[in-house]
Amino acid sequence: MVAIELWRAVTSWNDLGHGRFTLHFIKNRERQEVDFLIANDNEPFLLIEAKMSDTEPSPALKTFQRSLNVPAVQLTSEGATYRMFSNGNQSILAAPSFQWLSLLP
């Protein structure tokens, strides 16, 4: 469901002329992975991790955010509140997937 909604948003942004957005999966040599990376003009734009119930940001999401220096979101299917987590000099948003995805175009 998350992939479909993100693909729809990326396609909408491109059709509306907001940029050249693409949707990716990201994994490093240490086998850490993040479910989605949205890029704009081939530059990392946003990291998104989807979890069923884990409200704490994943270690991989923290690692990739520090490396790429982009905003990050962890979506969960449980809960109804938004929470912010510190990750060095950045923050990671933990959000209910149904609420966050409903804000996309």
N, C-alpha and C. Protein backbone atom coordinates (compact mmCIF):
# COMPACT_ATOMS: atom_id res chain seq x y z
N MET A 1 0.82 -1.19 0.00
CA MET A 1 0.00 0.00 0.00
C MET A 1 0.87 1.26 0.00
N VAL A 2 1.91 1.26 0.83
CA VAL A 2 2.79 2.43 0.91
C VAL A 2 3.46 2.69 -0.43
N ALA A 3 3.96 1.64 -1.06
CA ALA A 3 4.62 1.79 -2.36
C ALA A 3 3.69 2.38 -3.40
N ILE A 4 2.47 1.92 -3.43
CA ILE A 4 1.50 2.43 -4.41
C ILE A 4 1.21 3.90 -4.17
N GLU A 5 1.02 4.29 -2.91
CA GLU A 5 0.73 5.69 -2.59
C GLU A 5 1.93 6.59 -2.91
N LEU A 6 3.14 6.12 -2.63
CA LEU A 6 4.32 6.91 -2.95
C LEU A 6 4.51 7.04 -4.46
N TRP A 7 4.27 5.95 -5.18
CA TRP A 7 4.37 6.00 -6.64
C TRP A 7 3.35 6.99 -7.22
N ARG A 8 2.15 6.99 -6.67
CA ARG A 8 1.12 7.92 -7.12
C ARG A 8 1.55 9.36 -6.88
N ALA A 9 2.14 9.62 -5.70
CA ALA A 9 2.60 10.98 -5.38
C ALA A 9 3.73 11.42 -6.30
N VAL A 10 4.71 10.55 -6.51
CA VAL A 10 5.83 10.86 -7.39
C VAL A 10 5.34 11.16 -8.80
N THR A 11 4.44 10.35 -9.29
CA THR A 11 3.88 10.56 -10.63
C THR A 11 3.13 11.88 -10.70
N SER A 12 2.36 12.20 -9.66
CA SER A 12 1.62 13.47 -9.63
C SER A 12 2.57 14.66 -9.64
N TRP A 13 3.61 14.62 -8.81
CA TRP A 13 4.57 15.73 -8.78
C TRP A 13 5.22 15.92 -10.14
N ASN A 14 5.57 14.83 -10.80
CA ASN A 14 6.17 14.94 -12.13
C ASN A 14 5.19 15.52 -13.14
N ASP A 15 3.94 15.04 -13.12
CA ASP A 15 2.92 15.53 -14.04
C ASP A 15 2.61 17.00 -13.82
N LEU A 16 2.72 17.45 -12.58
CA LEU A 16 2.44 18.86 -12.26
C LEU A 16 3.65 19.76 -12.50
N GLY A 17 4.78 19.17 -12.89
CA GLY A 17 5.96 19.96 -13.21
C GLY A 17 6.76 20.41 -11.99
N HIS A 18 6.61 19.72 -10.86
CA HIS A 18 7.34 20.09 -9.64
C HIS A 18 8.78 19.58 -9.62
N GLY A 19 9.15 18.78 -10.58
CA GLY A 19 10.51 18.25 -10.64
C GLY A 19 10.53 16.95 -11.42
N ARG A 20 11.66 16.26 -11.31
CA ARG A 20 11.81 14.93 -11.92
C ARG A 20 12.02 13.93 -10.79
N PHE A 21 10.93 13.50 -10.21
CA PHE A 21 10.98 12.63 -9.04
C PHE A 21 11.03 11.16 -9.45
N THR A 22 11.77 10.38 -8.66
CA THR A 22 11.85 8.94 -8.88
C THR A 22 11.77 8.25 -7.52
N LEU A 23 11.33 7.00 -7.54
CA LEU A 23 11.15 6.22 -6.31
C LEU A 23 12.13 5.05 -6.34
N HIS A 24 12.87 4.85 -5.23
CA HIS A 24 13.92 3.83 -5.17
C HIS A 24 13.85 3.05 -3.87
N PHE A 25 14.56 1.93 -3.85
CA PHE A 25 14.87 1.12 -2.68
C PHE A 25 16.36 1.34 -2.44
N ILE A 26 16.80 1.38 -1.18
CA ILE A 26 18.21 1.65 -0.92
C ILE A 26 18.77 0.61 0.05
N LYS A 27 19.98 0.12 -0.27
CA LYS A 27 20.65 -0.90 0.54
C LYS A 27 22.15 -0.66 0.45
N ASN A 28 22.88 -0.88 1.55
CA ASN A 28 24.33 -0.69 1.53
C ASN A 28 25.06 -2.03 1.63
N ARG A 29 26.37 -1.99 1.64
CA ARG A 29 27.17 -3.22 1.68
C ARG A 29 27.04 -3.97 2.99
N GLU A 30 26.65 -3.28 4.03
CA GLU A 30 26.45 -3.92 5.33
C GLU A 30 25.06 -4.56 5.44
N ARG A 31 24.35 -4.56 4.32
CA ARG A 31 23.00 -5.14 4.21
C ARG A 31 21.95 -4.39 5.02
N GLN A 32 22.22 -3.12 5.30
CA GLN A 32 21.20 -2.27 5.88
C GLN A 32 20.35 -1.75 4.73
N GLU A 33 19.06 -1.62 4.96
CA GLU A 33 18.19 -1.16 3.88
C GLU A 33 17.09 -0.26 4.43
N VAL A 34 16.65 0.61 3.56
CA VAL A 34 15.49 1.47 3.82
C VAL A 34 14.52 1.23 2.68
N ASP A 35 13.25 1.14 3.03
CA ASP A 35 12.24 0.74 2.05
C ASP A 35 12.14 1.66 0.84
N PHE A 36 12.18 2.97 1.07
CA PHE A 36 11.97 3.90 -0.04
C PHE A 36 12.90 5.11 0.06
N LEU A 37 13.38 5.53 -1.08
CA LEU A 37 14.11 6.78 -1.23
C LEU A 37 13.47 7.51 -2.39
N ILE A 38 12.99 8.70 -2.13
CA ILE A 38 12.48 9.54 -3.21
C ILE A 38 13.62 10.48 -3.59
N ALA A 39 13.88 10.54 -4.89
CA ALA A 39 14.92 11.44 -5.42
C ALA A 39 14.26 12.46 -6.33
N ASN A 40 14.88 13.62 -6.42
CA ASN A 40 14.44 14.67 -7.33
C ASN A 40 15.65 15.10 -8.14
N ASP A 41 15.55 14.99 -9.45
CA ASP A 41 16.68 15.29 -10.34
C ASP A 41 17.92 14.49 -9.94
N ASN A 42 17.73 13.23 -9.64
CA ASN A 42 18.80 12.29 -9.27
C ASN A 42 19.51 12.63 -7.97
N GLU A 43 18.91 13.48 -7.14
CA GLU A 43 19.47 13.82 -5.83
C GLU A 43 18.52 13.29 -4.75
N PRO A 44 19.05 12.65 -3.68
CA PRO A 44 18.17 12.16 -2.61
C PRO A 44 17.31 13.29 -2.05
N PHE A 45 16.05 12.99 -1.84
CA PHE A 45 15.08 14.00 -1.39
C PHE A 45 14.43 13.61 -0.06
N LEU A 46 14.04 12.33 0.11
CA LEU A 46 13.33 11.89 1.31
C LEU A 46 13.48 10.38 1.48
N LEU A 47 13.79 9.95 2.72
CA LEU A 47 13.85 8.53 3.07
C LEU A 47 12.56 8.15 3.78
N ILE A 48 12.02 6.97 3.46
CA ILE A 48 10.78 6.51 4.08
C ILE A 48 10.92 5.04 4.43
N GLU A 49 10.69 4.73 5.69
CA GLU A 49 10.71 3.35 6.16
C GLU A 49 9.29 3.00 6.61
N ALA A 50 8.80 1.84 6.21
CA ALA A 50 7.46 1.38 6.57
C ALA A 50 7.58 0.21 7.54
N LYS A 51 6.90 0.32 8.68
CA LYS A 51 6.92 -0.73 9.69
C LYS A 51 5.48 -1.03 10.12
N MET A 52 5.27 -2.25 10.56
CA MET A 52 3.93 -2.60 11.05
C MET A 52 3.67 -1.97 12.42
N SER A 53 4.61 -2.11 13.37
CA SER A 53 4.33 -1.63 14.71
C SER A 53 5.51 -0.95 15.39
N ASP A 54 6.67 -0.98 14.81
CA ASP A 54 7.87 -0.42 15.42
C ASP A 54 7.84 1.10 15.33
N THR A 55 7.63 1.77 16.44
CA THR A 55 7.53 3.23 16.41
C THR A 55 8.88 3.92 16.57
N GLU A 56 9.92 3.20 17.01
CA GLU A 56 11.26 3.77 17.10
C GLU A 56 11.91 3.70 15.72
N PRO A 57 12.60 4.73 15.31
CA PRO A 57 13.26 4.70 14.00
C PRO A 57 14.26 3.55 13.89
N SER A 58 14.30 2.93 12.76
CA SER A 58 15.20 1.80 12.55
C SER A 58 16.65 2.29 12.48
N PRO A 59 17.60 1.46 12.92
CA PRO A 59 19.02 1.85 12.83
C PRO A 59 19.44 2.15 11.39
N ALA A 60 18.92 1.41 10.43
CA ALA A 60 19.27 1.65 9.03
C ALA A 60 18.78 3.02 8.57
N LEU A 61 17.58 3.40 8.99
CA LEU A 61 17.05 4.71 8.61
C LEU A 61 17.94 5.82 9.18
N LYS A 62 18.37 5.66 10.41
CA LYS A 62 19.26 6.65 11.03
C LYS A 62 20.58 6.73 10.27
N THR A 63 21.15 5.59 9.92
CA THR A 63 22.42 5.56 9.21
C THR A 63 22.33 6.24 7.85
N PHE A 64 21.30 5.90 7.08
CA PHE A 64 21.15 6.50 5.75
C PHE A 64 20.84 7.99 5.84
N GLN A 65 20.07 8.40 6.84
CA GLN A 65 19.78 9.82 6.97
C GLN A 65 21.07 10.61 7.26
N ARG A 66 21.90 10.08 8.15
CA ARG A 66 23.17 10.77 8.44
C ARG A 66 24.06 10.82 7.19
N SER A 67 24.07 9.76 6.40
CA SER A 67 24.91 9.71 5.20
C SER A 67 24.42 10.63 4.09
N LEU A 68 23.11 10.64 3.87
CA LEU A 68 22.55 11.39 2.75
C LEU A 68 22.12 12.81 3.11
N ASN A 69 21.97 13.07 4.42
CA ASN A 69 21.57 14.40 4.89
C ASN A 69 20.25 14.86 4.28
N VAL A 70 19.23 14.00 4.37
CA VAL A 70 17.90 14.30 3.88
C VAL A 70 16.87 14.01 4.97
N PRO A 71 15.68 14.57 4.86
CA PRO A 71 14.62 14.25 5.83
C PRO A 71 14.27 12.76 5.78
N ALA A 72 13.76 12.25 6.92
CA ALA A 72 13.38 10.85 7.00
C ALA A 72 12.07 10.69 7.76
N VAL A 73 11.29 9.70 7.33
CA VAL A 73 9.99 9.41 7.94
C VAL A 73 9.91 7.91 8.17
N GLN A 74 9.43 7.52 9.35
CA GLN A 74 9.12 6.11 9.59
C GLN A 74 7.61 6.00 9.76
N LEU A 75 6.98 5.27 8.85
CA LEU A 75 5.54 5.09 8.87
C LEU A 75 5.19 3.80 9.60
N THR A 76 4.14 3.84 10.42
CA THR A 76 3.70 2.65 11.14
C THR A 76 2.19 2.47 10.94
N SER A 77 1.75 1.24 11.06
CA SER A 77 0.32 0.98 10.92
C SER A 77 -0.40 1.12 12.24
N GLU A 78 0.33 1.27 13.34
CA GLU A 78 -0.28 1.42 14.66
C GLU A 78 -0.10 2.85 15.16
N GLY A 79 -0.95 3.24 16.08
CA GLY A 79 -0.84 4.56 16.68
C GLY A 79 -1.58 5.61 15.89
N ALA A 80 -1.75 6.77 16.54
CA ALA A 80 -2.47 7.86 15.90
C ALA A 80 -1.78 9.20 16.13
N THR A 81 -0.53 9.17 16.59
CA THR A 81 0.16 10.42 16.88
C THR A 81 1.49 10.48 16.13
N TYR A 82 1.91 11.69 15.85
CA TYR A 82 3.20 11.94 15.24
C TYR A 82 4.23 12.11 16.36
N ARG A 83 5.45 11.62 16.13
CA ARG A 83 6.53 11.79 17.09
C ARG A 83 7.80 12.14 16.34
N MET A 84 8.64 12.96 16.96
CA MET A 84 9.93 13.34 16.38
C MET A 84 11.03 12.68 17.20
N PHE A 85 12.03 12.14 16.50
CA PHE A 85 13.20 11.53 17.13
C PHE A 85 14.44 12.24 16.64
N SER A 86 15.36 12.48 17.55
CA SER A 86 16.62 13.12 17.20
C SER A 86 17.55 12.11 16.55
N ASN A 87 18.28 12.57 15.54
CA ASN A 87 19.29 11.76 14.87
C ASN A 87 20.47 12.67 14.57
N GLY A 88 21.29 12.90 15.57
CA GLY A 88 22.38 13.85 15.42
C GLY A 88 21.82 15.25 15.29
N ASN A 89 22.17 15.95 14.21
CA ASN A 89 21.65 17.31 14.00
C ASN A 89 20.37 17.30 13.16
N GLN A 90 19.79 16.12 12.92
CA GLN A 90 18.56 16.00 12.15
C GLN A 90 17.48 15.34 12.99
N SER A 91 16.29 15.25 12.43
CA SER A 91 15.18 14.60 13.12
C SER A 91 14.51 13.60 12.19
N ILE A 92 13.92 12.59 12.79
CA ILE A 92 13.15 11.60 12.05
C ILE A 92 11.72 11.67 12.55
N LEU A 93 10.78 11.75 11.64
CA LEU A 93 9.37 11.79 11.97
C LEU A 93 8.83 10.37 11.97
N ALA A 94 8.18 9.97 13.07
CA ALA A 94 7.44 8.70 13.12
C ALA A 94 5.97 9.07 13.04
N ALA A 95 5.28 8.49 12.07
CA ALA A 95 3.90 8.91 11.80
C ALA A 95 3.03 7.70 11.47
N PRO A 96 1.74 7.79 11.80
CA PRO A 96 0.81 6.76 11.35
C PRO A 96 0.70 6.81 9.83
N SER A 97 0.85 5.68 9.20
CA SER A 97 0.89 5.66 7.74
C SER A 97 -0.39 6.20 7.12
N PHE A 98 -1.55 5.86 7.68
CA PHE A 98 -2.80 6.31 7.08
C PHE A 98 -2.92 7.83 7.09
N GLN A 99 -2.41 8.48 8.13
CA GLN A 99 -2.49 9.95 8.21
C GLN A 99 -1.47 10.59 7.27
N TRP A 100 -0.21 10.14 7.32
CA TRP A 100 0.83 10.76 6.53
C TRP A 100 0.59 10.57 5.04
N LEU A 101 0.21 9.37 4.63
CA LEU A 101 -0.02 9.11 3.22
C LEU A 101 -1.24 9.88 2.69
N SER A 102 -2.20 10.16 3.55
CA SER A 102 -3.38 10.91 3.10
C SER A 102 -3.04 12.36 2.77
N LEU A 103 -1.90 12.85 3.20
CA LEU A 103 -1.48 14.22 2.91
C LEU A 103 -0.78 14.35 1.55
N LEU A 104 -0.44 13.25 0.94
CA LEU A 104 0.22 13.28 -0.37
C LEU A 104 -0.80 13.64 -1.46
N PRO A 105 -0.30 14.19 -2.57
CA PRO A 105 -1.24 14.56 -3.65
C PRO A 105 -1.85 13.35 -4.31
